[in-house]
């Protein structure tokens, strides 16, 4: 992982080594590096996965005991999904890490995360999943990039070979976020209202009613925060996918001024959304 190395330090490295001035084949693609870095950081946000896994247990507070067996089954099913969800996030993070490293003319670091992706493919962790083939394809490209000491001159090759499968994996994760994660917020809001409303209506204690309404509103506020986080993360994935597609479309002209300006705008938008996610 190289997130501790700032964009500024990369630009300084270019200047210190004189690559830009001497024109020895390295182009200043700092905006692409910036876009890749914040994409990697944003994709790695795991808070929503935790919320998704904990949803069945939270529901037990608001559902009758007759529903607990169903919720326990849901909890087991989601626990079985955990590794694949986290691997998809790690996949996007590691790929964007590699893209940023190549854009900065740095070698792709073969670390435990890339190794874990390769092992997941070898162990058929994604067997039966729609994006299984795509996951394997890009993982092999990352391994090759690290093993063969790719640099900036190979950036076009990475983007060209990876775009289609990369879009598949990002799209698969986005579907889970939009359908599974977002669906939970709707169900949780309904469950909270259904739980508190009859108690409030049947109570004659004004102080008790006020307390119940406060508890209800607090829990509903938590759901709204969660819903906003899901919206932001979904937009993060959309922006990453869109940005990579733009790079693919301009893969023969990656130092295009308009493209680099667009990457800077994408990076700024991603940073705002990531800052929001971190604050929730």
Foldseek 3Di string as FASTA:
>chain_A
DPLVQDLVNLVVVCVVVCCVVVVPPADQLSLLLLLLSLLLVLLQDCPLLVVLLCLLVVLVVLDDPVCNVVSVVVNVVSVLCSVVLNLLSLLSNLLSQCLSCQNSFHQRDDDVSLVVLQVCLVVPVVVPPPLSVLSNQLSVVSVCSNVVRHHNVCSLVSLQSNLPSNLVSLVVSLVCLVPSSLVSLVVVLVSLCVRLVVVLVPDPDPVVNVVSVVVSVVVNVVSVLSNVLSVLSSVSSVLSSVLSVLCNVCSVPSVDPVNSVVSNVSSVSSVVSSVSNVVD
